[in-house]
C-alpha cells in the first residue's frame, strides 16, 4: 500500500467550517427539528405497539389456556427445540 502523505502546509479552520455548516442548517432549522421529532415519534410508536402486542398475546394465551384447561409444565425437558 502506498503511504498517505499529510501536508502541514495548510491549516484547517474548523471554527469557520462549523460556522458555514450551521449557516446552511439555520435556514432549515424547522425542517431539522421536525425530522428529529418525527423519528422520535415513530420509534416511540413502534416500541409501544411491540409492548402492546406482546402483552395482548400473553393475555390471550392465558385466556385460551384457562378456557381449555391446558397446564404448562414447570420444566421443559425438550432439548430438541
Foldseek 3Di string as FASTA:
>chain_A
DDDDDDDPPDDDDVVVVVVVVVVVCVVVVVVVVVVVVVVVVVVVVVVVVVVVVVVVVVVVVVVVCVVVVPDDDPDDPPPPD
